[in-house]
């Protein structure tokens, strides 16, 4: 899987792998986001780097035709540089390309930000069972977290066949 470089000089988006676990855990922990299941989902993360340094993360968990945007985080000193928008756009594109019709998320502080991106607040019990059964929903995020949903346009293109561009090991 390859992700396009954002137009902002110095900023790149790329898929995460096992070598990124510690850096992702540190960034999420520093920003008070759950980390308990990151290692088992690391391959579902997109990373933002600024001149090679990890400055943002976003994860995508897919369940049939619904998906969960999780662990969106941008390092404090890199906020307001459209990195969050680039990460959300990458996740939305990926979810849509994989056939998801709706994208869900939980947030404790960023509902106004996500509303600007087309997400709407819903009652937690309105989320599909697949989403409610995730660790994020059932255990890691507090019950006070706001649940949000965004309908997705289905991609007209078939998903690209992933290729391994990294060495084994």
Protein backbone atom coordinates (compact mmCIF):
# COMPACT_ATOMS: atom_id res chain seq x y z
CA UNK A 1 0.00 0.00 0.00
CA UNK A 2 1.32 3.38 -0.86
CA UNK A 3 -0.01 6.74 0.20
CA UNK A 4 0.49 9.99 -1.61
CA UNK A 5 2.66 12.70 -0.16
CA UNK A 6 0.67 15.69 0.99
CA UNK A 7 1.30 19.01 -0.78
CA UNK A 8 2.71 20.54 2.40
CA UNK A 9 6.51 20.60 2.14
CA UNK A 10 8.11 18.11 4.49
CA UNK A 11 4.90 16.20 5.26
CA UNK A 12 4.39 12.61 4.17
CA UNK A 13 1.78 9.96 4.92
CA UNK A 14 2.70 6.29 5.04
CA UNK A 15 1.37 2.99 6.34
CA UNK A 16 2.63 1.91 9.76
CA UNK A 17 4.38 -1.36 10.47
CA UNK A 18 5.77 -3.22 13.48
CA UNK A 19 8.86 -0.98 13.61
CA UNK A 20 6.60 2.00 14.35
CA UNK A 21 4.85 0.58 17.43
CA UNK A 22 6.97 2.30 20.09
CA UNK A 23 6.81 5.72 18.45
CA UNK A 24 3.03 5.43 17.96
CA UNK A 25 2.57 4.33 21.58
CA UNK A 26 4.60 7.33 22.78
CA UNK A 27 2.66 9.83 20.67
CA UNK A 28 -0.74 8.46 21.71
CA UNK A 29 0.25 8.20 25.40
CA UNK A 30 1.60 11.75 25.44
CA UNK A 31 -1.81 12.89 24.17
CA UNK A 32 -3.84 10.77 26.63
CA UNK A 33 -5.25 8.40 24.00
CA UNK A 34 -5.76 4.66 24.58
CA UNK A 35 -2.82 2.42 23.64
CA UNK A 36 -3.80 -1.03 24.92
CA UNK A 37 -4.53 -2.56 21.51
CA UNK A 38 -2.26 -0.52 19.25
CA UNK A 39 0.33 -3.24 18.70
CA UNK A 40 -2.27 -5.72 17.42
CA UNK A 41 -3.69 -3.10 15.01
CA UNK A 42 -0.48 -1.31 13.94
CA UNK A 43 -0.79 -2.40 10.30
CA UNK A 44 -4.13 -0.54 10.13
CA UNK A 45 -2.50 2.79 11.04
CA UNK A 46 -1.52 5.64 8.75
CA UNK A 47 1.35 7.80 9.96
CA UNK A 48 2.15 11.42 9.25
CA UNK A 49 5.78 12.39 9.26
CA UNK A 50 7.21 15.89 9.13
CA UNK A 51 10.74 15.83 7.73
CA UNK A 52 10.93 12.17 8.73
CA UNK A 53 9.70 12.58 12.33
CA UNK A 54 6.42 10.98 13.43
CA UNK A 55 3.90 13.76 14.09
CA UNK A 56 0.52 12.09 13.57
CA UNK A 57 -1.43 8.86 13.54
CA UNK A 58 -4.82 7.56 12.49
CA UNK A 59 -6.13 4.01 12.56
CA UNK A 60 -8.84 2.26 10.57
CA UNK A 61 -10.65 -0.86 11.71
CA UNK A 62 -12.94 -2.34 9.04
CA UNK A 63 -15.94 -4.60 9.71
CA UNK A 64 -17.89 -5.54 6.61
CA UNK A 65 -19.43 -2.33 5.28
CA UNK A 66 -18.70 -0.23 8.38
CA UNK A 67 -15.40 1.04 9.74
CA UNK A 68 -13.96 2.76 12.79
CA UNK A 69 -11.61 5.75 12.64
CA UNK A 70 -9.48 5.49 15.76
CA UNK A 71 -6.41 7.01 17.37
CA UNK A 72 -6.36 10.23 15.35
CA UNK A 73 -3.56 12.19 16.96
CA UNK A 74 -1.30 15.05 15.91
CA UNK A 75 1.67 16.13 18.01
CA UNK A 76 0.83 19.39 19.76
CA UNK A 77 3.57 21.47 18.12
CA UNK A 78 2.38 20.33 14.64
CA UNK A 79 -1.30 21.16 14.99
CA UNK A 80 -2.93 23.70 12.68
CA UNK A 81 -0.82 22.45 9.77
CA UNK A 82 -3.64 20.38 8.21
CA UNK A 83 -1.98 17.11 9.27
CA UNK A 84 -5.16 15.89 10.99
CA UNK A 85 -7.14 16.67 7.85
CA UNK A 86 -4.64 14.74 5.72
CA UNK A 87 -4.86 11.74 8.05
CA UNK A 88 -8.66 11.75 8.16
CA UNK A 89 -8.79 12.10 4.36
CA UNK A 90 -6.47 9.12 3.96
CA UNK A 91 -8.60 7.00 6.30
CA UNK A 92 -11.85 8.04 4.60
CA UNK A 93 -10.37 7.19 1.18
CA UNK A 94 -9.09 3.84 2.39
CA UNK A 95 -12.37 2.90 4.09
CA UNK A 96 -14.34 3.89 1.00
CA UNK A 97 -12.00 1.97 -1.31
CA UNK A 98 -12.45 -1.09 0.91
CA UNK A 99 -16.23 -0.89 0.52
CA UNK A 100 -17.23 0.77 3.80
CA UNK A 101 -20.49 2.71 3.59
CA UNK A 102 -20.16 4.39 7.00
CA UNK A 103 -17.27 5.51 9.18
CA UNK A 104 -17.63 5.81 12.95
CA UNK A 105 -15.46 7.32 15.67
CA UNK A 106 -15.44 8.10 19.38
CA UNK A 107 -14.08 11.36 20.72
CA UNK A 108 -13.90 13.02 24.11
CA UNK A 109 -12.78 16.48 22.96
CA UNK A 110 -12.82 16.86 19.18
CA UNK A 111 -16.51 16.64 18.17
CA UNK A 112 -16.55 20.20 16.72
CA UNK A 113 -13.50 19.37 14.57
CA UNK A 114 -15.10 16.19 13.21
CA UNK A 115 -18.41 17.99 12.55
CA UNK A 116 -16.50 20.27 10.15
CA UNK A 117 -15.40 17.10 8.33
CA UNK A 118 -18.93 15.80 7.85
CA UNK A 119 -19.35 13.59 10.92
CA UNK A 120 -22.59 13.81 12.89
CA UNK A 121 -23.13 12.92 16.53
CA UNK A 122 -25.27 9.85 17.19
CA UNK A 123 -26.32 7.97 20.30
CA UNK A 124 -23.81 5.24 21.15
CA UNK A 125 -26.49 2.55 20.89
CA UNK A 126 -27.14 3.59 17.26
CA UNK A 127 -23.69 2.40 16.21
CA UNK A 128 -23.68 -1.02 14.53
CA UNK A 129 -22.90 -4.02 16.71
CA UNK A 130 -19.56 -4.51 14.91
CA UNK A 131 -18.48 -1.05 16.04
CA UNK A 132 -19.89 -1.42 19.56
CA UNK A 133 -17.92 -4.67 19.96
CA UNK A 134 -14.54 -3.05 19.28
CA UNK A 135 -12.10 -2.61 22.15
CA UNK A 136 -12.19 1.15 21.52
CA UNK A 137 -15.95 1.25 21.99
CA UNK A 138 -16.46 -1.39 24.67
CA UNK A 139 -13.46 -0.89 26.92
CA UNK A 140 -10.81 1.67 25.98
CA UNK A 141 -12.75 4.89 25.42
CA UNK A 142 -14.81 6.27 28.31
CA UNK A 143 -18.60 6.01 28.21
CA UNK A 144 -18.66 9.80 28.06
CA UNK A 145 -16.99 9.75 24.61
CA UNK A 146 -19.20 11.10 21.84
CA UNK A 147 -20.02 8.66 19.03
CA UNK A 148 -20.01 10.11 15.52
CA UNK A 149 -20.85 8.77 12.06
CA UNK A 150 -20.02 9.82 8.51
CA UNK A 151 -21.64 8.26 5.44
CA UNK A 152 -19.11 7.36 2.77
CA UNK A 153 -19.39 7.35 -0.98
CA UNK A 154 -18.47 3.98 -2.36
CA UNK A 155 -15.41 3.95 -4.53
CA UNK A 156 -16.08 3.19 -8.19
CA UNK A 157 -12.62 1.68 -8.52
CA UNK A 158 -11.70 -1.78 -7.35
CA UNK A 159 -9.29 -1.70 -4.41
CA UNK A 160 -5.69 -1.94 -5.52
CA UNK A 161 -3.93 -5.20 -4.83
CA UNK A 162 -1.46 -4.58 -2.00
CA UNK A 163 2.17 -5.07 -2.88
CA UNK A 164 5.00 -5.63 -0.49
CA UNK A 165 7.53 -2.90 -1.06
CA UNK A 166 9.42 -3.54 2.16
CA UNK A 167 12.01 -6.20 2.79
CA UNK A 168 11.08 -9.24 4.82
CA UNK A 169 11.92 -9.36 8.48
